[in-house]
Amino acid sequence: MPSAARDPSGAAAPVPGVPRTESLLSIEDPAAVARLVAAQFPRWAALPVTAVDSDGTDHVMHRLGADMVVRLPRGDWAADQVEKEQRWLPRLAPGLPLAVPVPLALGAPVADCPRPWSVYRWLDGRDATVERLADPDLTAIQLAGFLGGLRRIDAGGGPPPGPHNGRRGEPLERRDRITREAIGALRGIVDAEAATTVWDAALRAPVWQGPPVWVHGDLRTGNLLETGGRLSAVIDFGCLAVGDPACDLAVAWALLTAGARPVLRDALAVDAAMWARGRGWALSTGVVHVAAYLESAPELTGSALRQVGEVLADFGHGG
């Protein structure tokens, strides 16, 4: 169950270049994690623990036996995600057409691992990419089914956007400063003038007037799994909140082809204002991600650069 790096635009995210763990126990070390599991969950003490190769910046993951995964926050910025996923994922899962992580146990903080941590059921699959997904239109229909299902689930009591989720679901205008700063930092890497035009258009779109609904907040390659060329699971609900659903439409530019984007839009009956805000989210999360990681972790930026390129091309053709 791999996990991709989160957009570091909110206060909940780590700062590139600083130590990625703040624990006396080396959560990168499978042997140390095995001792932690054995101490708190003796029934799993005999199971092997193996590190999961992941580019995630919020959590470290280790396979536990064949069917489970241990997920440990790298720092305080990710600690609140543990309780949120433990509380809400079991309530969301029955209303969703794709598999989502199933919490099996909640690990308690201890002296040398001072944050809660989780054990989940392992989900098979590979990171979903445009190249691996066999039918773009089918992918659009699957995404529409997931997003429609998520929005229909009662959002009462759900967490509002804030630092815990990179502020996904808030009004787009609150990202104005960080987005323009990222565009400026990427001048020469992306078309800054075109990006600014797209961003300005997104800010002119009417704001969300409906009731807050559930948003995943981070639908992109790495948080979507495929098996056999079809979407099979959605993972990493650390950005979960209730708010403006336009933020989840960023997936239209992150994962879909130009021809498949209208399929998603039509299936969800997305109006022009929400589509413009969704494009704005795709641009903003893309440029902020690239600006944050281009020097410290350039291998993480390829999908974000593609996303920005799709946004600019789409806007240029009146999409």
C-alpha atoms as a PDB file:
ATOM      1  CA  MET A   1       0.000   0.000   0.000  1.00  0.00           C
ATOM      2  CA  PRO A   2       2.404   2.714  -1.150  1.00  0.00           C
ATOM      3  CA  SER A   3       1.911   6.368  -0.333  1.00  0.00           C
ATOM      4  CA  ALA A   4       2.973   9.451  -2.194  1.00  0.00           C
ATOM      5  CA  ALA A   5       4.323  12.667  -0.794  1.00  0.00           C
ATOM      6  CA  ARG A   6       1.777  15.251   0.200  1.00  0.00           C
ATOM      7  CA  ASP A   7       1.674  18.763  -1.119  1.00  0.00           C
ATOM      8  CA  PRO A   8       3.682  20.702   1.481  1.00  0.00           C
ATOM      9  CA  SER A   9       1.642  23.899   1.295  1.00  0.00           C
ATOM     10  CA  GLY A  10      -0.068  23.610   4.652  1.00  0.00           C
ATOM     11  CA  ALA A  11       1.305  23.916   8.147  1.00  0.00           C
ATOM     12  CA  ALA A  12       0.792  20.192   8.582  1.00  0.00           C
ATOM     13  CA  ALA A  13       3.524  19.292   6.127  1.00  0.00           C
ATOM     14  CA  PRO A  14       7.261  18.812   6.639  1.00  0.00           C
ATOM     15  CA  VAL A  15       9.839  21.240   5.401  1.00  0.00           C
ATOM     16  CA  PRO A  16      12.238  19.815   2.800  1.00  0.00           C
ATOM     17  CA  GLY A  17      15.794  19.652   4.006  1.00  0.00           C
ATOM     18  CA  VAL A  18      15.031  19.052   7.687  1.00  0.00           C
ATOM     19  CA  PRO A  19      15.340  15.643   9.374  1.00  0.00           C
ATOM     20  CA  ARG A  20      12.372  13.535   8.300  1.00  0.00           C
ATOM     21  CA  THR A  21      11.879  11.712  11.609  1.00  0.00           C
ATOM     22  CA  GLU A  22      11.620  12.994  15.149  1.00  0.00           C
ATOM     23  CA  SER A  23      11.628   9.744  17.102  1.00  0.00           C
ATOM     24  CA  LEU A  24      14.174   8.107  19.370  1.00  0.00           C
ATOM     25  CA  LEU A  25      13.206   4.779  17.816  1.00  0.00           C
ATOM     26  CA  SER A  26      14.380   4.472  14.232  1.00  0.00           C
ATOM     27  CA  ILE A  27      11.073   4.008  12.468  1.00  0.00           C
ATOM     28  CA  GLU A  28      13.029   3.329   9.284  1.00  0.00           C
ATOM     29  CA  ASP A  29      14.495   0.169  10.883  1.00  0.00           C
ATOM     30  CA  PRO A  30      12.340  -2.951  10.409  1.00  0.00           C
ATOM     31  CA  ALA A  31      13.904  -4.628  13.456  1.00  0.00           C
ATOM     32  CA  ALA A  32      12.979  -1.694  15.684  1.00  0.00           C
ATOM     33  CA  VAL A  33       9.449  -1.643  14.303  1.00  0.00           C
ATOM     34  CA  ALA A  34       9.167  -5.395  14.859  1.00  0.00           C
ATOM     35  CA  ARG A  35      10.022  -4.867  18.527  1.00  0.00           C
ATOM     36  CA  LEU A  36       7.421  -2.118  18.786  1.00  0.00           C
ATOM     37  CA  VAL A  37       4.752  -4.352  17.243  1.00  0.00           C
ATOM     38  CA  ALA A  38       5.675  -7.293  19.471  1.00  0.00           C
ATOM     39  CA  ALA A  39       5.490  -5.162  22.596  1.00  0.00           C
ATOM     40  CA  GLN A  40       2.024  -3.815  21.877  1.00  0.00           C
ATOM     41  CA  PHE A  41       0.482  -6.595  19.775  1.00  0.00           C
ATOM     42  CA  PRO A  42       1.990  -9.908  20.912  1.00  0.00           C
ATOM     43  CA  ARG A  43      -0.323 -11.879  18.610  1.00  0.00           C
ATOM     44  CA  TRP A  44       1.728 -10.545  15.677  1.00  0.00           C
ATOM     45  CA  ALA A  45       5.151 -10.903  17.286  1.00  0.00           C
ATOM     46  CA  ALA A  46       6.191 -13.817  15.075  1.00  0.00           C
ATOM     47  CA  LEU A  47       5.361 -12.086  11.785  1.00  0.00           C
ATOM     48  CA  PRO A  48       8.206 -10.723   9.661  1.00  0.00           C
ATOM     49  CA  VAL A  49       8.532  -6.952   9.230  1.00  0.00           C
ATOM     50  CA  THR A  50       9.944  -5.615   5.961  1.00  0.00           C
ATOM     51  CA  ALA A  51      10.345  -2.011   4.832  1.00  0.00           C
ATOM     52  CA  VAL A  52       8.081  -0.708   2.066  1.00  0.00           C
ATOM     53  CA  ASP A  53       9.856   1.291  -0.606  1.00  0.00           C
ATOM     54  CA  SER A  54       7.892   4.539  -0.726  1.00  0.00           C
ATOM     55  CA  ASP A  55       8.497   8.200  -1.503  1.00  0.00           C
ATOM     56  CA  GLY A  56       5.985   9.287   1.145  1.00  0.00           C
ATOM     57  CA  THR A  57       6.958  12.247   3.295  1.00  0.00           C
ATOM     58  CA  ASP A  58       4.325  11.895   6.033  1.00  0.00           C
ATOM     59  CA  HIS A  59       4.695   8.245   7.056  1.00  0.00           C
ATOM     60  CA  VAL A  60       7.094   5.318   7.076  1.00  0.00           C
ATOM     61  CA  MET A  61       5.551   1.981   6.175  1.00  0.00           C
ATOM     62  CA  HIS A  62       6.568  -1.605   6.844  1.00  0.00           C
ATOM     63  CA  ARG A  63       4.910  -4.784   5.636  1.00  0.00           C
ATOM     64  CA  LEU A  64       3.757  -6.922   8.559  1.00  0.00           C
ATOM     65  CA  GLY A  65       3.461 -10.513   7.486  1.00  0.00           C
ATOM     66  CA  ALA A  66       1.697 -11.007   4.163  1.00  0.00           C
ATOM     67  CA  ASP A  67      -1.553  -9.182   4.834  1.00  0.00           C
ATOM     68  CA  MET A  68      -0.828  -6.106   6.950  1.00  0.00           C
ATOM     69  CA  VAL A  69       1.156  -2.870   6.930  1.00  0.00           C
ATOM     70  CA  VAL A  70       2.470  -0.738   9.790  1.00  0.00           C
ATOM     71  CA  ARG A  71       2.247   3.009   9.194  1.00  0.00           C
ATOM     72  CA  LEU A  72       4.199   5.378  11.456  1.00  0.00           C
ATOM     73  CA  PRO A  73       4.162   9.210  11.308  1.00  0.00           C
ATOM     74  CA  ARG A  74       7.505  10.769  10.500  1.00  0.00           C
ATOM     75  CA  GLY A  75       6.823  13.802  12.674  1.00  0.00           C
ATOM     76  CA  ASP A  76       4.258  15.823  14.574  1.00  0.00           C
ATOM     77  CA  TRP A  77       2.801  17.247  11.365  1.00  0.00           C
ATOM     78  CA  ALA A  78       1.395  13.818  10.492  1.00  0.00           C
ATOM     79  CA  ALA A  79       0.409  12.585  13.949  1.00  0.00           C
ATOM     80  CA  ASP A  80      -3.175  13.870  13.813  1.00  0.00           C
ATOM     81  CA  GLN A  81      -3.811  11.890  10.643  1.00  0.00           C
ATOM     82  CA  VAL A  82      -3.656   8.637  12.596  1.00  0.00           C
ATOM     83  CA  GLU A  83      -6.711   9.258  14.756  1.00  0.00           C
ATOM     84  CA  LYS A  84      -8.589  10.785  11.839  1.00  0.00           C
ATOM     85  CA  GLU A  85      -8.123   7.734   9.625  1.00  0.00           C
ATOM     86  CA  GLN A  86      -8.869   5.338  12.485  1.00  0.00           C
ATOM     87  CA  ARG A  87     -12.122   7.156  13.216  1.00  0.00           C
ATOM     88  CA  TRP A  88     -13.478   7.888   9.770  1.00  0.00           C
ATOM     89  CA  LEU A  89     -12.258   5.225   7.340  1.00  0.00           C
ATOM     90  CA  PRO A  90     -14.543   2.481   8.746  1.00  0.00           C
ATOM     91  CA  ARG A  91     -17.496   4.853   8.338  1.00  0.00           C
ATOM     92  CA  LEU A  92     -16.608   5.876   4.800  1.00  0.00           C
ATOM     93  CA  ALA A  93     -15.678   2.475   3.371  1.00  0.00           C
ATOM     94  CA  PRO A  94     -19.206   1.030   2.972  1.00  0.00           C
ATOM     95  CA  GLY A  95     -20.224   3.931   0.717  1.00  0.00           C
ATOM     96  CA  LEU A  96     -17.228   3.754  -1.608  1.00  0.00           C
ATOM     97  CA  PRO A  97     -16.895   1.606  -4.759  1.00  0.00           C
ATOM     98  CA  LEU A  98     -13.095   1.241  -4.515  1.00  0.00           C
ATOM     99  CA  ALA A  99     -11.134  -0.391  -1.733  1.00  0.00           C
ATOM    100  CA  VAL A 100      -9.746   1.866   0.996  1.00  0.00           C
ATOM    101  CA  PRO A 101      -7.389   1.138   3.900  1.00  0.00           C
ATOM    102  CA  VAL A 102      -8.897  -0.896   6.742  1.00  0.00           C
ATOM    103  CA  PRO A 103      -7.518   0.017  10.189  1.00  0.00           C
ATOM    104  CA  LEU A 104      -6.785  -3.110  12.226  1.00  0.00           C
ATOM    105  CA  ALA A 105      -5.063  -1.669  15.286  1.00  0.00           C
ATOM    106  CA  LEU A 106      -4.031   1.628  16.841  1.00  0.00           C
ATOM    107  CA  GLY A 107      -0.539   1.688  18.294  1.00  0.00           C
ATOM    108  CA  ALA A 108       0.012   3.774  21.408  1.00  0.00           C
ATOM    109  CA  PRO A 109       2.769   6.367  21.788  1.00  0.00           C
ATOM    110  CA  VAL A 110       5.710   5.209  23.887  1.00  0.00           C
ATOM    111  CA  ALA A 111       8.844   6.914  25.136  1.00  0.00           C
ATOM    112  CA  ASP A 112      10.946   6.223  22.058  1.00  0.00           C
ATOM    113  CA  CYS A 113       8.055   6.470  19.552  1.00  0.00           C
ATOM    114  CA  PRO A 114       6.035   9.393  20.894  1.00  0.00           C
ATOM    115  CA  ARG A 115       3.192   9.403  18.365  1.00  0.00           C
ATOM    116  CA  PRO A 116       0.262   7.086  17.696  1.00  0.00           C
ATOM    117  CA  TRP A 117       0.672   4.707  14.771  1.00  0.00           C
ATOM    118  CA  SER A 118      -1.511   2.266  12.870  1.00  0.00           C
ATOM    119  CA  VAL A 119      -1.724  -1.229  11.499  1.00  0.00           C
ATOM    120  CA  TYR A 120      -3.816  -1.600   8.342  1.00  0.00           C
ATOM    121  CA  ARG A 121      -4.781  -4.417   6.064  1.00  0.00           C
ATOM    122  CA  TRP A 122      -2.393  -4.542   3.094  1.00  0.00           C
ATOM    123  CA  LEU A 123      -3.871  -3.530  -0.259  1.00  0.00           C
ATOM    124  CA  ASP A 124      -2.322  -5.080  -3.349  1.00  0.00           C
ATOM    125  CA  GLY A 125      -1.711  -2.960  -6.426  1.00  0.00           C
ATOM    126  CA  ARG A 126       0.715  -0.623  -8.127  1.00  0.00           C
ATOM    127  CA  ASP A 127       0.701   3.140  -8.290  1.00  0.00           C
ATOM    128  CA  ALA A 128      -1.906   4.133 -10.873  1.00  0.00           C
ATOM    129  CA  THR A 129      -0.378   6.050 -13.764  1.00  0.00           C
ATOM    130  CA  VAL A 130      -1.710   7.156 -17.124  1.00  0.00           C
ATOM    131  CA  GLU A 131       0.491   4.530 -18.779  1.00  0.00           C
ATOM    132  CA  ARG A 132      -0.698   1.663 -16.583  1.00  0.00           C
ATOM    133  CA  LEU A 133      -4.430   2.360 -16.812  1.00  0.00           C
ATOM    134  CA  ALA A 134      -5.768   0.584 -19.864  1.00  0.00           C
ATOM    135  CA  ASP A 135      -8.956   2.547 -20.570  1.00  0.00           C
ATOM    136  CA  PRO A 136      -8.953   6.320 -19.816  1.00  0.00           C
ATOM    137  CA  ASP A 137     -12.734   6.598 -20.099  1.00  0.00           C
ATOM    138  CA  LEU A 138     -13.215   3.704 -17.682  1.00  0.00           C
ATOM    139  CA  THR A 139     -10.774   5.363 -15.283  1.00  0.00           C
ATOM    140  CA  ALA A 140     -12.864   8.548 -15.463  1.00  0.00           C
ATOM    141  CA  ILE A 141     -16.036   6.582 -14.701  1.00  0.00           C
ATOM    142  CA  GLN A 142     -14.363   4.841 -11.769  1.00  0.00           C
ATOM    143  CA  LEU A 143     -13.143   8.158 -10.358  1.00  0.00           C
ATOM    144  CA  ALA A 144     -16.601   9.649 -10.762  1.00  0.00           C
ATOM    145  CA  GLY A 145     -18.076   6.705  -8.881  1.00  0.00           C
ATOM    146  CA  PHE A 146     -15.622   7.153  -6.048  1.00  0.00           C
ATOM    147  CA  LEU A 147     -16.062  10.935  -5.816  1.00  0.00           C
ATOM    148  CA  GLY A 148     -19.824  10.709  -6.091  1.00  0.00           C
ATOM    149  CA  GLY A 149     -19.928   8.073  -3.383  1.00  0.00           C
ATOM    150  CA  LEU A 150     -17.682  10.118  -1.121  1.00  0.00           C
ATOM    151  CA  ARG A 151     -19.833  13.229  -1.528  1.00  0.00           C
ATOM    152  CA  ARG A 152     -23.032  11.351  -0.727  1.00  0.00           C
ATOM    153  CA  ILE A 153     -21.785  10.148   2.658  1.00  0.00           C
ATOM    154  CA  ASP A 154     -23.131  12.159   5.592  1.00  0.00           C
ATOM    155  CA  ALA A 155     -20.465  14.759   6.406  1.00  0.00           C
ATOM    156  CA  GLY A 156     -21.898  15.653   9.814  1.00  0.00           C
ATOM    157  CA  GLY A 157     -19.142  15.929  12.414  1.00  0.00           C
ATOM    158  CA  GLY A 158     -16.398  15.629   9.821  1.00  0.00           C
ATOM    159  CA  PRO A 159     -13.222  17.685  10.284  1.00  0.00           C
ATOM    160  CA  PRO A 160     -13.125  21.059   8.518  1.00  0.00           C
ATOM    161  CA  PRO A 161     -10.074  21.904   6.411  1.00  0.00           C
ATOM    162  CA  GLY A 162      -7.031  23.187   8.262  1.00  0.00           C
ATOM    163  CA  PRO A 163      -3.339  22.547   8.888  1.00  0.00           C
ATOM    164  CA  HIS A 164      -4.073  18.844   9.427  1.00  0.00           C
ATOM    165  CA  ASN A 165      -4.873  18.391   5.715  1.00  0.00           C
ATOM    166  CA  GLY A 166      -2.914  21.100   3.941  1.00  0.00           C
ATOM    167  CA  ARG A 167      -6.155  23.132   3.955  1.00  0.00           C
ATOM    168  CA  ARG A 168      -7.684  21.080   1.142  1.00  0.00           C
ATOM    169  CA  GLY A 169     -11.325  22.048   0.736  1.00  0.00           C
ATOM    170  CA  GLU A 170     -10.907  25.661   1.803  1.00  0.00           C
ATOM    171  CA  PRO A 171     -11.715  28.541  -0.568  1.00  0.00           C
ATOM    172  CA  LEU A 172      -9.142  28.643  -3.336  1.00  0.00           C
ATOM    173  CA  GLU A 173      -8.237  32.277  -2.655  1.00  0.00           C
ATOM    174  CA  ARG A 174      -6.502  31.240   0.565  1.00  0.00           C
ATOM    175  CA  ARG A 175      -3.815  29.597  -1.563  1.00  0.00           C
ATOM    176  CA  ASP A 176      -3.123  32.742  -3.554  1.00  0.00           C
ATOM    177  CA  ARG A 177       0.169  33.714  -1.938  1.00  0.00           C
ATOM    178  CA  ILE A 178       1.790  30.287  -1.922  1.00  0.00           C
ATOM    179  CA  THR A 179       0.641  29.595  -5.476  1.00  0.00           C
ATOM    180  CA  ARG A 180       2.022  32.823  -6.905  1.00  0.00           C
ATOM    181  CA  GLU A 181       5.274  32.332  -5.001  1.00  0.00           C
ATOM    182  CA  ALA A 182       5.618  28.820  -6.434  1.00  0.00           C
ATOM    183  CA  ILE A 183       4.890  30.027  -9.967  1.00  0.00           C
ATOM    184  CA  GLY A 184       7.548  32.702  -9.579  1.00  0.00           C
ATOM    185  CA  ALA A 185      10.074  30.198  -8.262  1.00  0.00           C
ATOM    186  CA  LEU A 186       9.477  27.951 -11.287  1.00  0.00           C
ATOM    187  CA  ARG A 187       9.878  30.628 -13.952  1.00  0.00           C
ATOM    188  CA  GLY A 188      11.854  28.995 -16.740  1.00  0.00           C
ATOM    189  CA  ILE A 189      10.650  25.526 -15.691  1.00  0.00           C
ATOM    190  CA  VAL A 190       6.981  26.173 -16.322  1.00  0.00           C
ATOM    191  CA  ASP A 191       5.327  28.918 -18.370  1.00  0.00           C
ATOM    192  CA  ALA A 192       4.828  31.441 -15.557  1.00  0.00           C
ATOM    193  CA  GLU A 193       2.625  33.777 -17.594  1.00  0.00           C
ATOM    194  CA  ALA A 194       0.288  30.992 -18.672  1.00  0.00           C
ATOM    195  CA  ALA A 195       0.177  29.578 -15.145  1.00  0.00           C
ATOM    196  CA  THR A 196      -0.725  32.989 -13.743  1.00  0.00           C
ATOM    197  CA  THR A 197      -3.505  33.332 -16.307  1.00  0.00           C
ATOM    198  CA  VAL A 198      -4.950  29.967 -15.282  1.00  0.00           C
ATOM    199  CA  TRP A 199      -4.696  30.881 -11.611  1.00  0.00           C
ATOM    200  CA  ASP A 200      -6.375  34.244 -12.073  1.00  0.00           C
ATOM    201  CA  ALA A 201      -9.240  32.581 -13.931  1.00  0.00           C
ATOM    202  CA  ALA A 202      -9.690  30.051 -11.126  1.00  0.00           C
ATOM    203  CA  LEU A 203      -9.875  32.815  -8.526  1.00  0.00           C
ATOM    204  CA  ARG A 204     -12.590  34.570 -10.529  1.00  0.00           C
ATOM    205  CA  ALA A 205     -14.827  31.490 -10.404  1.00  0.00           C
ATOM    206  CA  PRO A 206     -17.747  31.683  -7.957  1.00  0.00           C
ATOM    207  CA  VAL A 207     -17.011  30.101  -4.593  1.00  0.00           C
ATOM    208  CA  TRP A 208     -18.686  26.929  -3.368  1.00  0.00           C
ATOM    209  CA  GLN A 209     -22.159  27.676  -2.014  1.00  0.00           C
ATOM    210  CA  GLY A 210     -23.222  24.171  -1.106  1.00  0.00           C
ATOM    211  CA  PRO A 211     -22.880  22.380   2.224  1.00  0.00           C
ATOM    212  CA  PRO A 212     -19.456  20.944   3.071  1.00  0.00           C
ATOM    213  CA  VAL A 213     -18.935  17.445   1.705  1.00  0.00           C
ATOM    214  CA  TRP A 214     -16.247  14.829   2.222  1.00  0.00           C
ATOM    215  CA  VAL A 215     -13.037  15.360   0.267  1.00  0.00           C
ATOM    216  CA  HIS A 216     -10.082  13.013   0.015  1.00  0.00           C
ATOM    217  CA  GLY A 217      -7.800  15.982  -0.636  1.00  0.00           C
ATOM    218  CA  ASP A 218      -4.879  14.194  -2.292  1.00  0.00           C
ATOM    219  CA  LEU A 219      -6.090  12.165  -5.263  1.00  0.00           C
ATOM    220  CA  ARG A 220      -3.057  11.639  -7.437  1.00  0.00           C
ATOM    221  CA  THR A 221      -0.633   9.021  -8.622  1.00  0.00           C
ATOM    222  CA  GLY A 222       0.716   7.231  -5.565  1.00  0.00           C
ATOM    223  CA  ASN A 223      -2.545   7.471  -3.634  1.00  0.00           C
ATOM    224  CA  LEU A 224      -4.444   5.533  -6.287  1.00  0.00           C
ATOM    225  CA  LEU A 225      -3.681   1.865  -6.944  1.00  0.00           C
ATOM    226  CA  GLU A 226      -4.334  -0.224 -10.032  1.00  0.00           C
ATOM    227  CA  THR A 227      -4.531  -3.923 -10.708  1.00  0.00           C
ATOM    228  CA  GLY A 228      -4.922  -5.315 -14.194  1.00  0.00           C
ATOM    229  CA  GLY A 229      -5.062  -1.855 -15.723  1.00  0.00           C
ATOM    230  CA  ARG A 230      -8.058  -0.727 -13.626  1.00  0.00           C
ATOM    231  CA  LEU A 231      -8.289   1.408 -10.527  1.00  0.00           C
ATOM    232  CA  SER A 232      -8.580  -0.865  -7.512  1.00  0.00           C
ATOM    233  CA  ALA A 233      -8.022   1.216  -4.374  1.00  0.00           C
ATOM    234  CA  VAL A 234      -7.668   4.709  -2.943  1.00  0.00           C
ATOM    235  CA  ILE A 235      -5.199   5.133  -0.096  1.00  0.00           C
ATOM    236  CA  ASP A 236      -3.672   7.789   2.184  1.00  0.00           C
ATOM    237  CA  PHE A 237      -6.622   9.669   3.648  1.00  0.00           C
ATOM    238  CA  GLY A 238      -4.391  12.015   5.639  1.00  0.00           C
ATOM    239  CA  CYS A 239      -5.900  15.028   3.821  1.00  0.00           C
ATOM    240  CA  LEU A 240      -9.471  13.933   4.570  1.00  0.00           C
ATOM    241  CA  ALA A 241     -11.850  16.762   5.483  1.00  0.00           C
ATOM    242  CA  VAL A 242     -15.258  18.241   4.689  1.00  0.00           C
ATOM    243  CA  GLY A 243     -15.349  21.296   2.451  1.00  0.00           C
ATOM    244  CA  ASP A 244     -15.440  22.361  -1.209  1.00  0.00           C
ATOM    245  CA  PRO A 245     -15.229  19.211  -3.374  1.00  0.00           C
ATOM    246  CA  ALA A 246     -13.436  21.089  -6.165  1.00  0.00           C
ATOM    247  CA  CYS A 247     -10.072  20.169  -4.648  1.00  0.00           C
ATOM    248  CA  ASP A 248     -10.623  16.513  -5.567  1.00  0.00           C
ATOM    249  CA  LEU A 249     -11.149  17.410  -9.222  1.00  0.00           C
ATOM    250  CA  ALA A 250      -7.400  17.995  -9.481  1.00  0.00           C
ATOM    251  CA  VAL A 251      -7.245  14.282 -10.295  1.00  0.00           C
ATOM    252  CA  ALA A 252      -8.703  15.100 -13.721  1.00  0.00           C
ATOM    253  CA  TRP A 253      -5.381  16.684 -14.678  1.00  0.00           C
ATOM    254  CA  ALA A 254      -3.208  14.409 -12.557  1.00  0.00           C
ATOM    255  CA  LEU A 255      -4.371  11.101 -13.987  1.00  0.00           C
ATOM    256  CA  LEU A 256      -6.732  11.524 -16.929  1.00  0.00           C
ATOM    257  CA  THR A 257      -6.066  12.186 -20.584  1.00  0.00           C
ATOM    258  CA  ALA A 258      -7.554  15.230 -22.298  1.00  0.00           C
ATOM    259  CA  GLY A 259     -10.166  13.030 -23.933  1.00  0.00           C
ATOM    260  CA  ALA A 260     -11.249  11.408 -20.670  1.00  0.00           C
ATOM    261  CA  ARG A 261     -11.616  14.585 -18.631  1.00  0.00           C
ATOM    262  CA  PRO A 262     -15.051  15.422 -20.109  1.00  0.00           C
ATOM    263  CA  VAL A 263     -16.209  11.919 -19.151  1.00  0.00           C
ATOM    264  CA  LEU A 264     -15.451  12.642 -15.499  1.00  0.00           C
ATOM    265  CA  ARG A 265     -17.003  16.096 -15.699  1.00  0.00           C
ATOM    266  CA  ASP A 266     -20.202  14.822 -17.278  1.00  0.00           C
ATOM    267  CA  ALA A 267     -20.530  11.864 -14.920  1.00  0.00           C
ATOM    268  CA  LEU A 268     -20.322  14.181 -11.894  1.00  0.00           C
ATOM    269  CA  ALA A 269     -22.404  16.963 -13.519  1.00  0.00           C
ATOM    270  CA  VAL A 270     -19.693  19.500 -12.676  1.00  0.00           C
ATOM    271  CA  ASP A 271     -20.607  23.084 -13.504  1.00  0.00           C
ATOM    272  CA  ALA A 272     -18.216  25.638 -14.993  1.00  0.00           C
ATOM    273  CA  ALA A 273     -17.397  27.270 -11.656  1.00  0.00           C
ATOM    274  CA  MET A 274     -16.405  24.031  -9.938  1.00  0.00           C
ATOM    275  CA  TRP A 275     -14.426  22.891 -12.979  1.00  0.00           C
ATOM    276  CA  ALA A 276     -12.472  26.165 -12.957  1.00  0.00           C
ATOM    277  CA  ARG A 277     -11.771  25.800  -9.233  1.00  0.00           C
ATOM    278  CA  GLY A 278     -10.708  22.199  -9.771  1.00  0.00           C
ATOM    279  CA  ARG A 279      -8.283  23.308 -12.468  1.00  0.00           C
ATOM    280  CA  GLY A 280      -6.983  25.914 -10.043  1.00  0.00           C
ATOM    281  CA  TRP A 281      -6.403  23.247  -7.411  1.00  0.00           C
ATOM    282  CA  ALA A 282      -4.555  21.113  -9.955  1.00  0.00           C
ATOM    283  CA  LEU A 283      -2.322  24.029 -10.886  1.00  0.00           C
ATOM    284  CA  SER A 284      -1.709  25.121  -7.303  1.00  0.00           C
ATOM    285  CA  THR A 285      -0.918  21.711  -5.854  1.00  0.00           C
ATOM    286  CA  GLY A 286       1.262  20.938  -8.866  1.00  0.00           C
ATOM    287  CA  VAL A 287       3.437  24.052  -8.776  1.00  0.00           C
ATOM    288  CA  VAL A 288       3.721  24.076  -4.987  1.00  0.00           C
ATOM    289  CA  HIS A 289       4.819  20.443  -4.990  1.00  0.00           C
ATOM    290  CA  VAL A 290       7.413  21.019  -7.709  1.00  0.00           C
ATOM    291  CA  ALA A 291       8.768  24.166  -6.059  1.00  0.00           C
ATOM    292  CA  ALA A 292       9.096  22.390  -2.717  1.00  0.00           C
ATOM    293  CA  TYR A 293      10.811  19.233  -3.934  1.00  0.00           C
ATOM    294  CA  LEU A 294      12.611  20.119  -7.145  1.00  0.00           C
ATOM    295  CA  GLU A 295      15.990  20.508  -5.438  1.00  0.00           C
ATOM    296  CA  SER A 296      15.619  18.263  -2.398  1.00  0.00           C
ATOM    297  CA  ALA A 297      13.827  15.331  -4.070  1.00  0.00           C
ATOM    298  CA  PRO A 298      13.599  15.837  -7.836  1.00  0.00           C
ATOM    299  CA  GLU A 299      12.430  12.263  -8.373  1.00  0.00           C
ATOM    300  CA  LEU A 300       9.127  13.212  -6.713  1.00  0.00           C
ATOM    301  CA  THR A 301       8.319  16.001  -9.135  1.00  0.00           C
ATOM    302  CA  GLY A 302       7.730  14.181 -12.421  1.00  0.00           C
ATOM    303  CA  SER A 303       4.012  13.529 -11.937  1.00  0.00           C
ATOM    304  CA  ALA A 304       3.465  17.049 -10.584  1.00  0.00           C
ATOM    305  CA  LEU A 305       5.163  18.576 -13.617  1.00  0.00           C
ATOM    306  CA  ARG A 306       2.963  16.474 -15.891  1.00  0.00           C
ATOM    307  CA  GLN A 307      -0.080  17.678 -13.972  1.00  0.00           C
ATOM    308  CA  VAL A 308       0.905  21.326 -14.447  1.00  0.00           C
ATOM    309  CA  GLY A 309       1.550  20.715 -18.138  1.00  0.00           C
ATOM    310  CA  GLU A 310      -1.888  19.135 -18.569  1.00  0.00           C
ATOM    311  CA  VAL A 311      -3.524  22.113 -16.860  1.00  0.00           C
ATOM    312  CA  LEU A 312      -1.796  24.638 -19.093  1.00  0.00           C
ATOM    313  CA  ALA A 313      -2.500  22.689 -22.265  1.00  0.00           C
ATOM    314  CA  ASP A 314      -6.120  22.140 -21.291  1.00  0.00           C
ATOM    315  CA  PHE A 315      -6.697  25.811 -20.513  1.00  0.00           C
ATOM    316  CA  GLY A 316      -5.016  26.868 -23.721  1.00  0.00           C
ATOM    317  CA  HIS A 317      -7.491  24.786 -25.699  1.00  0.00           C
ATOM    318  CA  GLY A 318     -10.486  26.132 -23.804  1.00  0.00           C
ATOM    319  CA  GLY A 319     -10.948  22.989 -21.718  1.00  0.00           C
END
